[in-house]
N, C-alpha and C. Protein backbone atom coordinates (compact mmCIF):
# COMPACT_ATOMS: atom_id res chain seq x y z
N MET A 1 -15.81 -15.87 -2.74
CA MET A 1 -15.50 -14.97 -1.64
C MET A 1 -16.57 -13.88 -1.55
N SER A 2 -17.04 -13.60 -0.35
CA SER A 2 -18.09 -12.60 -0.19
C SER A 2 -17.51 -11.19 -0.35
N ASN A 3 -18.41 -10.23 -0.63
CA ASN A 3 -17.98 -8.84 -0.71
C ASN A 3 -17.36 -8.36 0.60
N GLU A 4 -17.93 -8.79 1.71
CA GLU A 4 -17.39 -8.40 3.01
C GLU A 4 -15.96 -8.89 3.18
N GLU A 5 -15.69 -10.12 2.77
CA GLU A 5 -14.34 -10.68 2.89
C GLU A 5 -13.36 -9.93 2.00
N MET A 6 -13.80 -9.56 0.80
CA MET A 6 -12.92 -8.80 -0.08
C MET A 6 -12.63 -7.41 0.48
N LEU A 7 -13.66 -6.73 0.95
CA LEU A 7 -13.46 -5.38 1.46
C LEU A 7 -12.57 -5.36 2.70
N ALA A 8 -12.56 -6.44 3.45
CA ALA A 8 -11.68 -6.53 4.62
C ALA A 8 -10.21 -6.60 4.23
N LYS A 9 -9.93 -6.79 2.94
CA LYS A 9 -8.56 -6.82 2.44
C LYS A 9 -8.19 -5.55 1.67
N VAL A 10 -9.07 -4.55 1.67
CA VAL A 10 -8.89 -3.35 0.85
C VAL A 10 -8.33 -2.19 1.67
N ASP A 11 -7.27 -1.57 1.15
CA ASP A 11 -6.84 -0.25 1.62
C ASP A 11 -7.58 0.75 0.73
N HIS A 12 -8.64 1.34 1.28
CA HIS A 12 -9.50 2.26 0.51
C HIS A 12 -8.71 3.55 0.30
N THR A 13 -8.37 3.84 -0.95
CA THR A 13 -7.27 4.74 -1.27
C THR A 13 -7.73 6.02 -1.95
N LEU A 14 -7.16 7.14 -1.52
CA LEU A 14 -7.30 8.42 -2.21
C LEU A 14 -5.98 9.17 -2.06
N LEU A 15 -5.19 9.19 -3.14
CA LEU A 15 -3.87 9.83 -3.11
C LEU A 15 -3.70 10.88 -4.20
N LYS A 16 -4.79 11.26 -4.83
CA LYS A 16 -4.71 12.29 -5.86
C LYS A 16 -4.24 13.61 -5.25
N PRO A 17 -3.38 14.34 -5.94
CA PRO A 17 -2.83 15.57 -5.37
C PRO A 17 -3.86 16.65 -5.13
N TYR A 18 -5.01 16.57 -5.80
CA TYR A 18 -6.04 17.59 -5.64
C TYR A 18 -7.17 17.13 -4.71
N ALA A 19 -6.94 16.07 -3.94
CA ALA A 19 -7.95 15.60 -2.99
C ALA A 19 -8.23 16.67 -1.94
N THR A 20 -9.49 16.98 -1.74
CA THR A 20 -9.90 17.97 -0.74
C THR A 20 -10.31 17.28 0.55
N TRP A 21 -10.50 18.07 1.61
CA TRP A 21 -10.98 17.51 2.87
C TRP A 21 -12.35 16.86 2.69
N ALA A 22 -13.19 17.43 1.85
CA ALA A 22 -14.50 16.81 1.59
C ALA A 22 -14.32 15.43 0.96
N ASP A 23 -13.37 15.30 0.04
CA ASP A 23 -13.08 14.00 -0.57
C ASP A 23 -12.58 13.01 0.47
N ILE A 24 -11.69 13.47 1.32
CA ILE A 24 -11.12 12.59 2.35
C ILE A 24 -12.20 12.15 3.32
N ARG A 25 -13.08 13.05 3.70
CA ARG A 25 -14.18 12.68 4.60
C ARG A 25 -15.05 11.58 3.97
N GLN A 26 -15.28 11.67 2.68
CA GLN A 26 -16.09 10.65 2.01
C GLN A 26 -15.39 9.29 2.06
N ILE A 27 -14.08 9.29 1.85
CA ILE A 27 -13.31 8.05 1.96
C ILE A 27 -13.47 7.45 3.35
N CYS A 28 -13.36 8.29 4.36
CA CYS A 28 -13.49 7.82 5.74
C CYS A 28 -14.88 7.25 6.00
N GLU A 29 -15.90 7.97 5.59
CA GLU A 29 -17.27 7.52 5.83
C GLU A 29 -17.53 6.19 5.13
N ASP A 30 -17.06 6.05 3.91
CA ASP A 30 -17.24 4.79 3.19
C ASP A 30 -16.49 3.65 3.87
N ALA A 31 -15.27 3.93 4.32
CA ALA A 31 -14.48 2.89 4.98
C ALA A 31 -15.16 2.41 6.25
N ILE A 32 -15.74 3.33 7.00
CA ILE A 32 -16.45 2.96 8.23
C ILE A 32 -17.68 2.13 7.89
N ALA A 33 -18.42 2.55 6.89
CA ALA A 33 -19.66 1.86 6.53
C ALA A 33 -19.41 0.47 5.95
N TYR A 34 -18.32 0.32 5.21
CA TYR A 34 -18.08 -0.93 4.48
C TYR A 34 -16.95 -1.76 5.08
N HIS A 35 -16.36 -1.30 6.18
CA HIS A 35 -15.40 -2.09 6.95
C HIS A 35 -14.18 -2.52 6.13
N THR A 36 -13.56 -1.55 5.47
CA THR A 36 -12.31 -1.84 4.77
C THR A 36 -11.17 -2.00 5.77
N ALA A 37 -10.07 -2.59 5.30
CA ALA A 37 -8.92 -2.79 6.19
C ALA A 37 -8.39 -1.46 6.70
N THR A 38 -8.19 -0.52 5.79
CA THR A 38 -7.68 0.81 6.13
C THR A 38 -8.24 1.83 5.15
N ILE A 39 -7.94 3.10 5.43
CA ILE A 39 -7.94 4.13 4.41
C ILE A 39 -6.48 4.46 4.12
N CYS A 40 -6.15 4.70 2.86
CA CYS A 40 -4.78 5.08 2.48
C CYS A 40 -4.84 6.48 1.90
N ILE A 41 -4.26 7.42 2.62
CA ILE A 41 -4.45 8.84 2.30
C ILE A 41 -3.12 9.60 2.43
N PRO A 42 -3.06 10.83 1.89
CA PRO A 42 -1.82 11.61 2.01
C PRO A 42 -1.50 11.91 3.48
N PRO A 43 -0.23 11.99 3.83
CA PRO A 43 0.14 12.22 5.23
C PRO A 43 -0.36 13.55 5.79
N SER A 44 -0.60 14.52 4.94
CA SER A 44 -1.05 15.83 5.43
C SER A 44 -2.43 15.78 6.06
N TYR A 45 -3.20 14.72 5.80
CA TYR A 45 -4.55 14.61 6.33
C TYR A 45 -4.65 13.73 7.59
N ILE A 46 -3.56 13.11 8.00
CA ILE A 46 -3.65 12.14 9.10
C ILE A 46 -4.21 12.77 10.36
N GLY A 47 -3.66 13.89 10.77
CA GLY A 47 -4.08 14.51 12.02
C GLY A 47 -5.56 14.91 12.01
N ARG A 48 -6.02 15.45 10.88
CA ARG A 48 -7.42 15.86 10.78
C ARG A 48 -8.35 14.65 10.84
N ILE A 49 -7.93 13.56 10.21
CA ILE A 49 -8.75 12.35 10.25
C ILE A 49 -8.82 11.81 11.67
N ARG A 50 -7.69 11.74 12.33
CA ARG A 50 -7.69 11.22 13.70
C ARG A 50 -8.55 12.08 14.62
N GLU A 51 -8.49 13.39 14.43
CA GLU A 51 -9.30 14.28 15.25
C GLU A 51 -10.79 14.10 14.96
N ALA A 52 -11.13 13.91 13.69
CA ALA A 52 -12.55 13.82 13.30
C ALA A 52 -13.15 12.44 13.58
N TYR A 53 -12.33 11.38 13.43
CA TYR A 53 -12.89 10.03 13.45
C TYR A 53 -12.31 9.14 14.55
N GLY A 54 -11.30 9.59 15.23
CA GLY A 54 -10.73 8.77 16.29
C GLY A 54 -10.28 7.42 15.79
N ASP A 55 -10.70 6.38 16.50
CA ASP A 55 -10.30 5.02 16.14
C ASP A 55 -11.29 4.33 15.22
N GLN A 56 -12.20 5.07 14.63
CA GLN A 56 -13.18 4.44 13.73
C GLN A 56 -12.55 3.95 12.44
N VAL A 57 -11.42 4.54 12.05
CA VAL A 57 -10.72 4.12 10.84
C VAL A 57 -9.26 3.82 11.16
N THR A 58 -8.71 2.84 10.48
CA THR A 58 -7.27 2.56 10.54
C THR A 58 -6.62 3.32 9.40
N ILE A 59 -5.64 4.15 9.74
CA ILE A 59 -5.04 5.04 8.75
C ILE A 59 -3.74 4.44 8.22
N CYS A 60 -3.68 4.34 6.90
CA CYS A 60 -2.46 4.00 6.17
C CYS A 60 -2.04 5.25 5.40
N THR A 61 -0.74 5.50 5.32
CA THR A 61 -0.27 6.63 4.54
C THR A 61 0.98 6.23 3.76
N VAL A 62 1.43 7.14 2.90
CA VAL A 62 2.54 6.86 1.99
C VAL A 62 3.75 7.71 2.34
N ILE A 63 4.93 7.12 2.14
CA ILE A 63 6.20 7.75 2.49
C ILE A 63 7.14 7.67 1.28
N GLY A 64 7.83 8.77 1.00
CA GLY A 64 8.70 8.79 -0.18
C GLY A 64 7.90 8.66 -1.46
N PHE A 65 6.71 9.19 -1.46
CA PHE A 65 5.74 8.94 -2.52
C PHE A 65 5.70 10.11 -3.50
N PRO A 66 5.54 9.84 -4.81
CA PRO A 66 5.44 8.53 -5.45
C PRO A 66 6.72 8.03 -6.10
N LEU A 67 7.80 8.82 -6.04
CA LEU A 67 8.99 8.48 -6.84
C LEU A 67 10.08 7.75 -6.07
N GLY A 68 10.10 7.88 -4.74
CA GLY A 68 11.00 7.08 -3.93
C GLY A 68 12.42 7.57 -3.81
N TYR A 69 12.74 8.71 -4.41
CA TYR A 69 14.16 9.10 -4.42
C TYR A 69 14.56 10.08 -3.32
N GLN A 70 13.70 10.28 -2.32
CA GLN A 70 14.12 11.02 -1.13
C GLN A 70 15.20 10.22 -0.39
N VAL A 71 16.05 10.91 0.33
CA VAL A 71 17.07 10.20 1.09
C VAL A 71 16.43 9.47 2.26
N THR A 72 17.11 8.46 2.74
CA THR A 72 16.55 7.60 3.79
C THR A 72 16.16 8.39 5.02
N GLU A 73 17.00 9.35 5.42
CA GLU A 73 16.71 10.12 6.62
C GLU A 73 15.39 10.87 6.51
N VAL A 74 15.08 11.35 5.33
CA VAL A 74 13.81 12.06 5.12
C VAL A 74 12.64 11.08 5.21
N LYS A 75 12.79 9.89 4.62
CA LYS A 75 11.72 8.89 4.70
C LYS A 75 11.48 8.46 6.15
N VAL A 76 12.54 8.29 6.89
CA VAL A 76 12.41 7.92 8.31
C VAL A 76 11.67 9.02 9.06
N ALA A 77 12.03 10.27 8.82
CA ALA A 77 11.36 11.38 9.50
C ALA A 77 9.89 11.44 9.11
N GLU A 78 9.59 11.24 7.84
CA GLU A 78 8.20 11.21 7.39
C GLU A 78 7.41 10.13 8.11
N ALA A 79 8.01 8.94 8.20
CA ALA A 79 7.32 7.82 8.83
C ALA A 79 7.06 8.09 10.30
N LYS A 80 8.05 8.60 11.00
CA LYS A 80 7.88 8.90 12.42
C LYS A 80 6.79 9.94 12.64
N LYS A 81 6.76 10.96 11.83
CA LYS A 81 5.73 12.00 11.95
C LYS A 81 4.35 11.43 11.66
N ALA A 82 4.25 10.58 10.65
CA ALA A 82 2.97 9.97 10.31
C ALA A 82 2.43 9.14 11.47
N LEU A 83 3.28 8.37 12.09
CA LEU A 83 2.86 7.56 13.24
C LEU A 83 2.47 8.45 14.41
N GLU A 84 3.24 9.50 14.64
CA GLU A 84 2.93 10.44 15.72
C GLU A 84 1.55 11.08 15.51
N ASP A 85 1.21 11.34 14.24
CA ASP A 85 -0.07 11.99 13.93
C ASP A 85 -1.25 11.03 14.01
N GLY A 86 -0.97 9.71 13.95
CA GLY A 86 -2.07 8.76 14.10
C GLY A 86 -2.15 7.66 13.06
N ALA A 87 -1.18 7.56 12.16
CA ALA A 87 -1.18 6.46 11.19
C ALA A 87 -0.81 5.16 11.87
N SER A 88 -1.31 4.06 11.33
CA SER A 88 -0.98 2.73 11.83
C SER A 88 -0.20 1.90 10.83
N GLU A 89 -0.31 2.25 9.54
CA GLU A 89 0.37 1.50 8.50
C GLU A 89 1.09 2.48 7.57
N ILE A 90 2.29 2.08 7.14
CA ILE A 90 3.15 2.92 6.31
C ILE A 90 3.46 2.19 5.01
N ASP A 91 3.18 2.84 3.88
CA ASP A 91 3.56 2.32 2.57
C ASP A 91 4.70 3.17 2.03
N MET A 92 5.90 2.62 2.00
CA MET A 92 7.08 3.37 1.55
C MET A 92 7.45 2.97 0.12
N VAL A 93 8.00 3.93 -0.62
CA VAL A 93 8.52 3.66 -1.96
C VAL A 93 10.03 3.50 -1.87
N ILE A 94 10.54 2.42 -2.45
CA ILE A 94 11.98 2.21 -2.47
C ILE A 94 12.66 3.24 -3.37
N ASN A 95 13.97 3.32 -3.28
CA ASN A 95 14.76 4.09 -4.24
C ASN A 95 14.89 3.22 -5.50
N ILE A 96 14.06 3.52 -6.48
CA ILE A 96 14.00 2.68 -7.68
C ILE A 96 15.31 2.75 -8.46
N GLY A 97 15.96 3.91 -8.42
CA GLY A 97 17.25 4.04 -9.10
C GLY A 97 18.28 3.09 -8.52
N ASP A 98 18.27 2.92 -7.19
CA ASP A 98 19.18 1.97 -6.56
C ASP A 98 18.90 0.55 -7.06
N ALA A 99 17.61 0.20 -7.16
CA ALA A 99 17.26 -1.14 -7.65
C ALA A 99 17.71 -1.33 -9.08
N LYS A 100 17.45 -0.35 -9.93
CA LYS A 100 17.86 -0.46 -11.33
C LYS A 100 19.37 -0.49 -11.47
N GLY A 101 20.08 0.14 -10.53
CA GLY A 101 21.54 0.14 -10.57
C GLY A 101 22.17 -1.06 -9.89
N GLY A 102 21.35 -1.99 -9.41
CA GLY A 102 21.87 -3.19 -8.76
C GLY A 102 22.34 -2.99 -7.34
N ARG A 103 21.97 -1.87 -6.72
CA ARG A 103 22.41 -1.58 -5.35
C ARG A 103 21.38 -2.14 -4.36
N PHE A 104 21.21 -3.43 -4.39
CA PHE A 104 20.17 -4.06 -3.58
C PHE A 104 20.51 -4.03 -2.09
N ASP A 105 21.80 -4.01 -1.75
CA ASP A 105 22.17 -3.88 -0.34
C ASP A 105 21.68 -2.54 0.21
N ALA A 106 21.79 -1.48 -0.60
CA ALA A 106 21.32 -0.16 -0.17
C ALA A 106 19.81 -0.15 0.00
N VAL A 107 19.10 -0.81 -0.90
CA VAL A 107 17.65 -0.91 -0.79
C VAL A 107 17.27 -1.63 0.50
N THR A 108 17.95 -2.74 0.77
CA THR A 108 17.67 -3.51 1.99
C THR A 108 17.89 -2.67 3.23
N GLU A 109 19.00 -1.93 3.27
CA GLU A 109 19.31 -1.12 4.44
C GLU A 109 18.29 -0.01 4.64
N GLU A 110 17.80 0.57 3.56
CA GLU A 110 16.78 1.61 3.70
C GLU A 110 15.48 1.02 4.24
N ILE A 111 15.06 -0.12 3.71
CA ILE A 111 13.85 -0.76 4.23
C ILE A 111 14.03 -1.11 5.70
N ARG A 112 15.20 -1.61 6.06
CA ARG A 112 15.47 -1.97 7.45
C ARG A 112 15.37 -0.73 8.36
N ALA A 113 15.87 0.40 7.88
CA ALA A 113 15.80 1.64 8.65
C ALA A 113 14.35 2.08 8.85
N LEU A 114 13.54 1.93 7.81
CA LEU A 114 12.12 2.29 7.94
C LEU A 114 11.40 1.34 8.87
N LYS A 115 11.73 0.05 8.80
CA LYS A 115 11.06 -0.91 9.70
C LYS A 115 11.46 -0.64 11.15
N LYS A 116 12.69 -0.24 11.38
CA LYS A 116 13.11 0.11 12.73
C LYS A 116 12.31 1.30 13.24
N ALA A 117 12.08 2.28 12.36
CA ALA A 117 11.31 3.45 12.74
C ALA A 117 9.83 3.12 12.98
N VAL A 118 9.31 2.21 12.20
CA VAL A 118 7.90 1.85 12.27
C VAL A 118 7.63 0.90 13.44
N GLY A 119 8.59 0.05 13.75
CA GLY A 119 8.44 -0.88 14.88
C GLY A 119 7.33 -1.88 14.65
N ASP A 120 6.40 -1.97 15.60
CA ASP A 120 5.32 -2.95 15.51
C ASP A 120 4.22 -2.56 14.54
N HIS A 121 4.27 -1.36 14.02
CA HIS A 121 3.30 -0.96 13.00
C HIS A 121 3.63 -1.65 11.66
N VAL A 122 2.66 -1.66 10.78
CA VAL A 122 2.81 -2.37 9.50
C VAL A 122 3.60 -1.51 8.51
N LEU A 123 4.62 -2.13 7.90
CA LEU A 123 5.39 -1.49 6.83
C LEU A 123 5.18 -2.25 5.53
N LYS A 124 4.70 -1.54 4.51
CA LYS A 124 4.56 -2.10 3.17
C LYS A 124 5.58 -1.42 2.27
N VAL A 125 6.22 -2.20 1.42
CA VAL A 125 7.31 -1.69 0.58
C VAL A 125 6.87 -1.70 -0.88
N ILE A 126 6.76 -0.51 -1.46
CA ILE A 126 6.34 -0.37 -2.85
C ILE A 126 7.57 -0.46 -3.75
N ILE A 127 7.58 -1.43 -4.66
CA ILE A 127 8.74 -1.61 -5.52
C ILE A 127 8.52 -1.09 -6.94
N GLU A 128 7.31 -0.71 -7.30
CA GLU A 128 6.95 -0.18 -8.62
C GLU A 128 7.37 -1.13 -9.74
N THR A 129 6.64 -2.23 -9.82
CA THR A 129 6.98 -3.34 -10.72
C THR A 129 7.07 -2.93 -12.19
N CYS A 130 6.34 -1.91 -12.59
CA CYS A 130 6.31 -1.54 -14.02
C CYS A 130 7.67 -1.11 -14.54
N TYR A 131 8.59 -0.74 -13.66
CA TYR A 131 9.91 -0.29 -14.09
C TYR A 131 10.98 -1.37 -13.97
N LEU A 132 10.60 -2.58 -13.58
CA LEU A 132 11.59 -3.59 -13.18
C LEU A 132 11.58 -4.81 -14.10
N THR A 133 12.75 -5.43 -14.21
CA THR A 133 12.82 -6.73 -14.86
C THR A 133 12.38 -7.81 -13.88
N GLU A 134 12.16 -9.01 -14.39
CA GLU A 134 11.79 -10.11 -13.50
C GLU A 134 12.89 -10.38 -12.48
N GLU A 135 14.13 -10.32 -12.92
CA GLU A 135 15.24 -10.57 -12.00
C GLU A 135 15.30 -9.51 -10.90
N GLU A 136 15.04 -8.26 -11.26
CA GLU A 136 15.02 -7.19 -10.25
C GLU A 136 13.88 -7.39 -9.26
N LYS A 137 12.73 -7.80 -9.73
CA LYS A 137 11.60 -8.06 -8.83
C LYS A 137 11.95 -9.15 -7.83
N ILE A 138 12.59 -10.21 -8.30
CA ILE A 138 12.97 -11.31 -7.41
C ILE A 138 14.00 -10.83 -6.39
N GLU A 139 14.98 -10.06 -6.82
CA GLU A 139 15.97 -9.52 -5.88
C GLU A 139 15.31 -8.66 -4.82
N LEU A 140 14.32 -7.87 -5.22
CA LEU A 140 13.63 -7.01 -4.27
C LEU A 140 12.77 -7.81 -3.30
N CYS A 141 12.26 -8.94 -3.73
CA CYS A 141 11.59 -9.84 -2.79
C CYS A 141 12.55 -10.24 -1.67
N HIS A 142 13.79 -10.52 -2.03
CA HIS A 142 14.80 -10.89 -1.04
C HIS A 142 15.12 -9.70 -0.13
N CYS A 143 15.19 -8.49 -0.71
CA CYS A 143 15.46 -7.29 0.10
C CYS A 143 14.37 -7.09 1.14
N VAL A 144 13.12 -7.16 0.71
CA VAL A 144 11.99 -6.93 1.61
C VAL A 144 11.96 -7.97 2.71
N THR A 145 12.22 -9.22 2.35
CA THR A 145 12.22 -10.30 3.33
C THR A 145 13.34 -10.13 4.34
N GLU A 146 14.55 -9.87 3.84
CA GLU A 146 15.72 -9.74 4.72
C GLU A 146 15.58 -8.55 5.67
N ALA A 147 14.95 -7.47 5.20
CA ALA A 147 14.84 -6.26 6.00
C ALA A 147 13.71 -6.32 7.03
N GLY A 148 12.88 -7.35 6.95
CA GLY A 148 11.86 -7.54 7.97
C GLY A 148 10.56 -6.77 7.77
N ALA A 149 10.31 -6.31 6.53
CA ALA A 149 9.06 -5.60 6.26
C ALA A 149 7.88 -6.58 6.28
N ASP A 150 6.68 -6.01 6.39
CA ASP A 150 5.48 -6.82 6.53
C ASP A 150 4.83 -7.17 5.19
N PHE A 151 4.94 -6.28 4.22
CA PHE A 151 4.34 -6.47 2.90
C PHE A 151 5.32 -6.04 1.82
N ILE A 152 5.19 -6.66 0.65
CA ILE A 152 5.74 -6.11 -0.58
C ILE A 152 4.54 -5.67 -1.41
N LYS A 153 4.65 -4.49 -2.02
CA LYS A 153 3.52 -3.89 -2.74
C LYS A 153 3.94 -3.61 -4.17
N THR A 154 3.06 -3.89 -5.11
CA THR A 154 3.43 -3.83 -6.52
C THR A 154 3.70 -2.42 -7.02
N SER A 155 2.85 -1.45 -6.65
CA SER A 155 2.79 -0.21 -7.42
C SER A 155 2.33 0.97 -6.59
N THR A 156 2.69 2.17 -7.06
CA THR A 156 2.16 3.40 -6.47
C THR A 156 0.80 3.75 -7.06
N GLY A 157 0.53 3.29 -8.27
CA GLY A 157 -0.63 3.77 -9.02
C GLY A 157 -0.32 5.02 -9.83
N PHE A 158 0.92 5.53 -9.70
CA PHE A 158 1.34 6.72 -10.43
C PHE A 158 2.39 6.39 -11.49
N GLY A 159 2.78 5.12 -11.60
CA GLY A 159 3.76 4.72 -12.60
C GLY A 159 3.11 4.46 -13.94
N SER A 160 3.86 3.83 -14.84
CA SER A 160 3.37 3.59 -16.19
C SER A 160 2.37 2.44 -16.25
N ALA A 161 2.29 1.64 -15.20
CA ALA A 161 1.30 0.55 -15.12
C ALA A 161 1.14 0.17 -13.66
N GLY A 162 0.00 -0.47 -13.37
CA GLY A 162 -0.26 -0.93 -12.01
C GLY A 162 0.01 -2.42 -11.86
N ALA A 163 -0.74 -3.02 -10.95
CA ALA A 163 -0.53 -4.44 -10.66
C ALA A 163 -1.01 -5.32 -11.81
N ASN A 164 -0.36 -6.49 -11.93
CA ASN A 164 -0.89 -7.54 -12.80
C ASN A 164 -0.75 -8.88 -12.09
N LEU A 165 -1.51 -9.85 -12.55
CA LEU A 165 -1.56 -11.13 -11.85
C LEU A 165 -0.22 -11.85 -11.86
N GLU A 166 0.52 -11.74 -12.97
CA GLU A 166 1.80 -12.43 -13.06
C GLU A 166 2.78 -11.90 -12.01
N ASP A 167 2.78 -10.59 -11.79
CA ASP A 167 3.67 -10.02 -10.78
C ASP A 167 3.27 -10.45 -9.38
N VAL A 168 1.98 -10.48 -9.11
CA VAL A 168 1.53 -10.92 -7.78
C VAL A 168 1.98 -12.36 -7.52
N LYS A 169 1.82 -13.22 -8.51
CA LYS A 169 2.25 -14.61 -8.36
C LYS A 169 3.76 -14.69 -8.16
N LEU A 170 4.51 -13.88 -8.92
CA LEU A 170 5.97 -13.89 -8.80
C LEU A 170 6.41 -13.43 -7.41
N LEU A 171 5.81 -12.35 -6.93
CA LEU A 171 6.18 -11.85 -5.61
C LEU A 171 5.82 -12.86 -4.52
N ARG A 172 4.65 -13.43 -4.62
CA ARG A 172 4.21 -14.41 -3.62
C ARG A 172 5.17 -15.60 -3.57
N ALA A 173 5.70 -15.99 -4.72
CA ALA A 173 6.58 -17.15 -4.80
C ALA A 173 7.98 -16.87 -4.27
N ASN A 174 8.36 -15.58 -4.17
CA ASN A 174 9.76 -15.26 -3.87
C ASN A 174 9.99 -14.50 -2.57
N VAL A 175 8.93 -14.01 -1.92
CA VAL A 175 9.12 -13.42 -0.60
C VAL A 175 9.11 -14.51 0.47
N GLY A 176 9.60 -14.18 1.65
CA GLY A 176 9.57 -15.12 2.75
C GLY A 176 8.15 -15.37 3.24
N PRO A 177 7.96 -16.43 3.99
CA PRO A 177 6.61 -16.80 4.42
C PRO A 177 5.94 -15.77 5.32
N GLN A 178 6.74 -14.92 5.97
CA GLN A 178 6.16 -13.91 6.86
C GLN A 178 5.77 -12.64 6.12
N VAL A 179 6.12 -12.51 4.85
CA VAL A 179 5.86 -11.31 4.07
C VAL A 179 4.58 -11.49 3.25
N LYS A 180 3.71 -10.51 3.33
CA LYS A 180 2.47 -10.54 2.56
C LYS A 180 2.61 -9.69 1.30
N VAL A 181 1.64 -9.84 0.40
CA VAL A 181 1.68 -9.14 -0.89
C VAL A 181 0.48 -8.20 -0.99
N LYS A 182 0.76 -6.97 -1.42
CA LYS A 182 -0.30 -6.00 -1.71
C LYS A 182 -0.27 -5.66 -3.19
N ALA A 183 -1.41 -5.81 -3.85
CA ALA A 183 -1.57 -5.42 -5.25
C ALA A 183 -2.25 -4.06 -5.30
N ALA A 184 -1.71 -3.16 -6.10
CA ALA A 184 -2.28 -1.80 -6.18
C ALA A 184 -2.15 -1.28 -7.59
N GLY A 185 -3.14 -0.49 -7.99
CA GLY A 185 -3.14 0.13 -9.30
C GLY A 185 -3.83 -0.72 -10.34
N GLY A 186 -4.85 -0.17 -10.97
CA GLY A 186 -5.50 -0.86 -12.09
C GLY A 186 -6.53 -1.90 -11.71
N ILE A 187 -7.01 -1.88 -10.47
CA ILE A 187 -8.04 -2.82 -10.04
C ILE A 187 -9.39 -2.16 -10.32
N ARG A 188 -10.10 -2.67 -11.32
CA ARG A 188 -11.26 -1.94 -11.83
C ARG A 188 -12.56 -2.73 -11.82
N SER A 189 -12.55 -3.92 -11.27
CA SER A 189 -13.77 -4.72 -11.24
C SER A 189 -13.73 -5.66 -10.04
N ILE A 190 -14.90 -6.16 -9.66
CA ILE A 190 -14.95 -7.15 -8.58
C ILE A 190 -14.19 -8.41 -9.01
N ALA A 191 -14.28 -8.75 -10.28
CA ALA A 191 -13.53 -9.91 -10.79
C ALA A 191 -12.03 -9.70 -10.63
N ASP A 192 -11.56 -8.47 -10.89
CA ASP A 192 -10.14 -8.16 -10.67
C ASP A 192 -9.76 -8.40 -9.22
N MET A 193 -10.58 -7.93 -8.30
CA MET A 193 -10.31 -8.10 -6.88
C MET A 193 -10.19 -9.57 -6.52
N GLU A 194 -11.13 -10.36 -6.98
CA GLU A 194 -11.09 -11.80 -6.70
C GLU A 194 -9.86 -12.44 -7.30
N ASP A 195 -9.53 -12.05 -8.54
CA ASP A 195 -8.38 -12.65 -9.22
C ASP A 195 -7.08 -12.35 -8.49
N PHE A 196 -6.91 -11.11 -8.05
CA PHE A 196 -5.68 -10.75 -7.34
C PHE A 196 -5.57 -11.48 -6.00
N ILE A 197 -6.68 -11.60 -5.30
CA ILE A 197 -6.65 -12.35 -4.04
C ILE A 197 -6.32 -13.81 -4.29
N ASN A 198 -6.93 -14.39 -5.30
CA ASN A 198 -6.66 -15.79 -5.61
C ASN A 198 -5.23 -16.01 -6.08
N ALA A 199 -4.61 -14.97 -6.67
CA ALA A 199 -3.22 -15.07 -7.12
C ALA A 199 -2.22 -14.95 -5.98
N GLY A 200 -2.69 -14.52 -4.80
CA GLY A 200 -1.79 -14.43 -3.66
C GLY A 200 -1.73 -13.10 -2.97
N ALA A 201 -2.55 -12.13 -3.39
CA ALA A 201 -2.54 -10.83 -2.72
C ALA A 201 -3.31 -10.90 -1.41
N ASP A 202 -2.68 -10.43 -0.35
CA ASP A 202 -3.32 -10.37 0.96
C ASP A 202 -4.02 -9.04 1.19
N ARG A 203 -3.64 -8.03 0.42
CA ARG A 203 -4.22 -6.71 0.54
C ARG A 203 -4.33 -6.11 -0.85
N LEU A 204 -5.35 -5.28 -1.06
CA LEU A 204 -5.58 -4.60 -2.33
C LEU A 204 -5.60 -3.10 -2.09
N GLY A 205 -4.87 -2.36 -2.90
CA GLY A 205 -4.92 -0.91 -2.85
C GLY A 205 -5.73 -0.40 -4.02
N THR A 206 -6.90 0.17 -3.73
CA THR A 206 -7.79 0.62 -4.80
C THR A 206 -8.71 1.72 -4.30
N SER A 207 -9.05 2.61 -5.19
CA SER A 207 -10.01 3.67 -4.88
C SER A 207 -11.42 3.30 -5.31
N SER A 208 -11.57 2.18 -6.00
CA SER A 208 -12.85 1.88 -6.63
C SER A 208 -13.62 0.73 -6.01
N ALA A 209 -13.08 0.04 -5.01
CA ALA A 209 -13.73 -1.17 -4.50
C ALA A 209 -15.14 -0.90 -3.99
N ILE A 210 -15.28 0.13 -3.17
CA ILE A 210 -16.60 0.40 -2.59
C ILE A 210 -17.59 0.84 -3.66
N GLN A 211 -17.12 1.65 -4.60
CA GLN A 211 -17.99 2.05 -5.71
C GLN A 211 -18.46 0.83 -6.50
N LEU A 212 -17.56 -0.12 -6.71
CA LEU A 212 -17.94 -1.34 -7.42
C LEU A 212 -18.97 -2.15 -6.65
N ILE A 213 -18.77 -2.26 -5.34
CA ILE A 213 -19.71 -3.00 -4.50
C ILE A 213 -21.07 -2.29 -4.48
N LYS A 214 -21.04 -0.98 -4.35
CA LYS A 214 -22.29 -0.21 -4.38
C LYS A 214 -23.04 -0.42 -5.69
N GLY A 215 -22.28 -0.46 -6.78
CA GLY A 215 -22.91 -0.66 -8.08
C GLY A 215 -23.54 -2.02 -8.23
N GLU A 216 -22.94 -3.01 -7.55
CA GLU A 216 -23.47 -4.36 -7.64
C GLU A 216 -24.74 -4.51 -6.81
N ASN A 217 -24.78 -3.81 -5.67
CA ASN A 217 -25.91 -3.95 -4.77
C ASN A 217 -26.10 -2.65 -4.02
N SER A 218 -27.04 -1.82 -4.45
CA SER A 218 -27.21 -0.49 -3.89
C SER A 218 -27.65 -0.52 -2.44
N SER A 219 -28.06 -1.68 -1.93
CA SER A 219 -28.49 -1.76 -0.54
C SER A 219 -27.32 -1.94 0.42
N GLY A 220 -26.12 -2.08 -0.11
CA GLY A 220 -24.93 -2.23 0.74
C GLY A 220 -24.07 -3.33 0.19
N TYR A 221 -24.00 -4.50 0.91
CA TYR A 221 -23.23 -5.62 0.41
C TYR A 221 -24.08 -6.46 -0.53
């Protein structure tokens, strides 16, 4: 797979709490130059990015991040505001406590409420695999599929571990055919990127992809 093909699957990500506008601008400039799928940034920067860059970048942002325990009404309001400000893709965190408590119907209903709010825009559902058993991961695949979300996503990058190949394969095998898989957290090499894509990831969430590509070939791709 070419570097261009890999970067077209990357959500170029900066979600650190101390990210400055200068940092965000660099993310945007890199995404434009290297043609990533999106930039994934904090919701507080959406409006400034849209004003500065217009349609040059596709904006992804996070909702209920990073712990997921906000009430559904707050997540819905966050999502609506993000779209109003100019986001095109929403990555929401489930209520992990509900999943651990076996309240999968509640998880499904919350995802469904977010998808209703998002409409034709892309909704990715972060399940934070590092906290889950295999059985819980499979149940959440069913929740995401039933609720009509567009992606299931492994991780926030703020948990105790990020994506691994076994989880990507498990999610790919258990979501419906219309649901895609996003791997995020711990992607640190071009080989990692290729491995996750080959395992079934349709999108990668990483802050390091462009840096890795630059290191491989300073002239660009």
